[in-house]
Amino acid sequence: MASFAKISEENEVMQVLTLDNVNCQNESNVETESVGQAYLELHNNWPAHLWIQTSYNTRSGKYRNDDGTEHSDQSKAFRGNYAGI
């Protein structure tokens, strides 16, 4: 699952939605933020540039395991924190 934050023009998080990974994959089956943004714009009537991908498992800039401990593979860290309203 991929998570996207719907933001206002003032960069305030208004909502967070999850998408199936297939709705974020490009023609090479690679998950891409821009593909997810285009999908959300089409299905939610909100501009693509105001959908920002966020990671449920990233907190304080670190990728975390389900128990909150730091994951050994930090290449998965995505942005600073999971977006919240």
C-alpha atoms as a PDB file:
ATOM      1  CA  MET A   1       0.000   0.000   0.000  1.00  0.00           C
ATOM      2  CA  ALA A   2       1.111   3.529  -0.736  1.00  0.00           C
ATOM      3  CA  SER A   3       0.032   6.510   1.360  1.00  0.00           C
ATOM      4  CA  PHE A   4      -0.594  10.005   0.028  1.00  0.00           C
ATOM      5  CA  ALA A   5      -1.388  13.204   1.898  1.00  0.00           C
ATOM      6  CA  LYS A   6      -3.876  15.633   0.387  1.00  0.00           C
ATOM      7  CA  ILE A   7      -2.529  19.083   1.155  1.00  0.00           C
ATOM      8  CA  SER A   8      -3.893  22.602   0.830  1.00  0.00           C
ATOM      9  CA  GLU A   9      -2.168  25.428  -1.053  1.00  0.00           C
ATOM     10  CA  GLU A  10      -0.810  26.427   2.387  1.00  0.00           C
ATOM     11  CA  ASN A  11       0.840  22.977   2.781  1.00  0.00           C
ATOM     12  CA  GLU A  12      -1.558  21.845   5.498  1.00  0.00           C
ATOM     13  CA  VAL A  13      -2.457  18.153   5.506  1.00  0.00           C
ATOM     14  CA  MET A  14      -6.179  17.759   4.957  1.00  0.00           C
ATOM     15  CA  GLN A  15      -6.468  13.984   4.542  1.00  0.00           C
ATOM     16  CA  VAL A  16      -4.291  10.887   4.109  1.00  0.00           C
ATOM     17  CA  LEU A  17      -5.346   8.115   1.714  1.00  0.00           C
ATOM     18  CA  THR A  18      -3.851   4.745   0.864  1.00  0.00           C
ATOM     19  CA  LEU A  19      -3.679   3.296  -2.625  1.00  0.00           C
ATOM     20  CA  ASP A  20      -2.964  -0.171  -3.927  1.00  0.00           C
ATOM     21  CA  ASN A  21       0.602  -0.225  -5.232  1.00  0.00           C
ATOM     22  CA  VAL A  22      -0.661  -1.042  -8.735  1.00  0.00           C
ATOM     23  CA  ASN A  23      -2.235   2.443  -8.881  1.00  0.00           C
ATOM     24  CA  CYS A  24       1.202   4.000  -8.370  1.00  0.00           C
ATOM     25  CA  GLN A  25       3.214   1.925 -10.836  1.00  0.00           C
ATOM     26  CA  ASN A  26       4.594   3.199 -14.106  1.00  0.00           C
ATOM     27  CA  GLU A  27       4.808   1.145 -17.323  1.00  0.00           C
ATOM     28  CA  SER A  28       7.879  -0.661 -15.889  1.00  0.00           C
ATOM     29  CA  ASN A  29       5.919  -1.655 -12.742  1.00  0.00           C
ATOM     30  CA  VAL A  30       7.987   0.685 -10.578  1.00  0.00           C
ATOM     31  CA  GLU A  31       6.104   2.591  -7.876  1.00  0.00           C
ATOM     32  CA  THR A  32       6.320   6.295  -8.729  1.00  0.00           C
ATOM     33  CA  GLU A  33       4.902   9.238  -6.813  1.00  0.00           C
ATOM     34  CA  SER A  34       3.824  11.067  -9.984  1.00  0.00           C
ATOM     35  CA  VAL A  35       1.731   8.089 -11.156  1.00  0.00           C
ATOM     36  CA  GLY A  36      -0.031   7.972  -7.792  1.00  0.00           C
ATOM     37  CA  GLN A  37      -0.587  11.731  -7.926  1.00  0.00           C
ATOM     38  CA  ALA A  38      -2.172  11.484 -11.383  1.00  0.00           C
ATOM     39  CA  TYR A  39      -4.416   8.629 -10.217  1.00  0.00           C
ATOM     40  CA  LEU A  40      -5.561  10.620  -7.182  1.00  0.00           C
ATOM     41  CA  GLU A  41      -6.219  13.744  -9.246  1.00  0.00           C
ATOM     42  CA  LEU A  42      -8.377  11.737 -11.644  1.00  0.00           C
ATOM     43  CA  HIS A  43     -10.386   9.999  -8.924  1.00  0.00           C
ATOM     44  CA  ASN A  44     -10.592  12.728  -6.271  1.00  0.00           C
ATOM     45  CA  ASN A  45     -10.912  15.987  -8.212  1.00  0.00           C
ATOM     46  CA  TRP A  46      -7.884  17.502  -6.455  1.00  0.00           C
ATOM     47  CA  PRO A  47      -4.736  18.758  -8.261  1.00  0.00           C
ATOM     48  CA  ALA A  48      -1.950  16.194  -8.614  1.00  0.00           C
ATOM     49  CA  HIS A  49       0.708  18.507  -7.176  1.00  0.00           C
ATOM     50  CA  LEU A  50      -1.294  18.712  -3.942  1.00  0.00           C
ATOM     51  CA  TRP A  51      -0.978  14.963  -3.284  1.00  0.00           C
ATOM     52  CA  ILE A  52       2.316  14.126  -1.548  1.00  0.00           C
ATOM     53  CA  GLN A  53       3.474  10.568  -0.971  1.00  0.00           C
ATOM     54  CA  THR A  54       4.230   9.744   2.647  1.00  0.00           C
ATOM     55  CA  SER A  55       5.564   6.646   4.417  1.00  0.00           C
ATOM     56  CA  TYR A  56       3.688   5.051   7.305  1.00  0.00           C
ATOM     57  CA  ASN A  57       6.945   3.536   8.589  1.00  0.00           C
ATOM     58  CA  THR A  58       9.073   6.717   8.532  1.00  0.00           C
ATOM     59  CA  ARG A  59       9.282   8.694  11.749  1.00  0.00           C
ATOM     60  CA  SER A  60      11.929  11.260  12.702  1.00  0.00           C
ATOM     61  CA  GLY A  61      13.573  10.646   9.338  1.00  0.00           C
ATOM     62  CA  LYS A  62      14.179   6.947  10.117  1.00  0.00           C
ATOM     63  CA  TYR A  63      12.522   3.900   8.602  1.00  0.00           C
ATOM     64  CA  ARG A  64      11.020   1.833  11.437  1.00  0.00           C
ATOM     65  CA  ASN A  65       9.964  -1.762  11.975  1.00  0.00           C
ATOM     66  CA  ASP A  66       6.398  -2.484  13.092  1.00  0.00           C
ATOM     67  CA  ASP A  67       7.568  -2.478  16.726  1.00  0.00           C
ATOM     68  CA  GLY A  68       9.032   1.040  16.335  1.00  0.00           C
ATOM     69  CA  THR A  69      12.669   0.011  16.312  1.00  0.00           C
ATOM     70  CA  GLU A  70      14.963   1.350  13.618  1.00  0.00           C
ATOM     71  CA  HIS A  71      15.044  -0.816  10.483  1.00  0.00           C
ATOM     72  CA  SER A  72      18.451  -2.041   9.278  1.00  0.00           C
ATOM     73  CA  ASP A  73      17.768  -0.796   5.711  1.00  0.00           C
ATOM     74  CA  GLN A  74      17.470   2.991   5.873  1.00  0.00           C
ATOM     75  CA  SER A  75      17.221   3.302   2.085  1.00  0.00           C
ATOM     76  CA  LYS A  76      13.467   2.889   2.613  1.00  0.00           C
ATOM     77  CA  ALA A  77      13.177   6.079   4.680  1.00  0.00           C
ATOM     78  CA  PHE A  78      10.853   8.476   2.860  1.00  0.00           C
ATOM     79  CA  ARG A  79      10.570  12.127   3.863  1.00  0.00           C
ATOM     80  CA  GLY A  80      10.726  13.188   7.507  1.00  0.00           C
ATOM     81  CA  ASN A  81       7.576  11.800   9.095  1.00  0.00           C
ATOM     82  CA  TYR A  82       4.319  10.129   8.166  1.00  0.00           C
ATOM     83  CA  ALA A  83       1.887  12.917   7.341  1.00  0.00           C
ATOM     84  CA  GLY A  84      -0.956  13.603   9.714  1.00  0.00           C
ATOM     85  CA  ILE A  85      -3.777  16.088   9.870  1.00  0.00           C
END
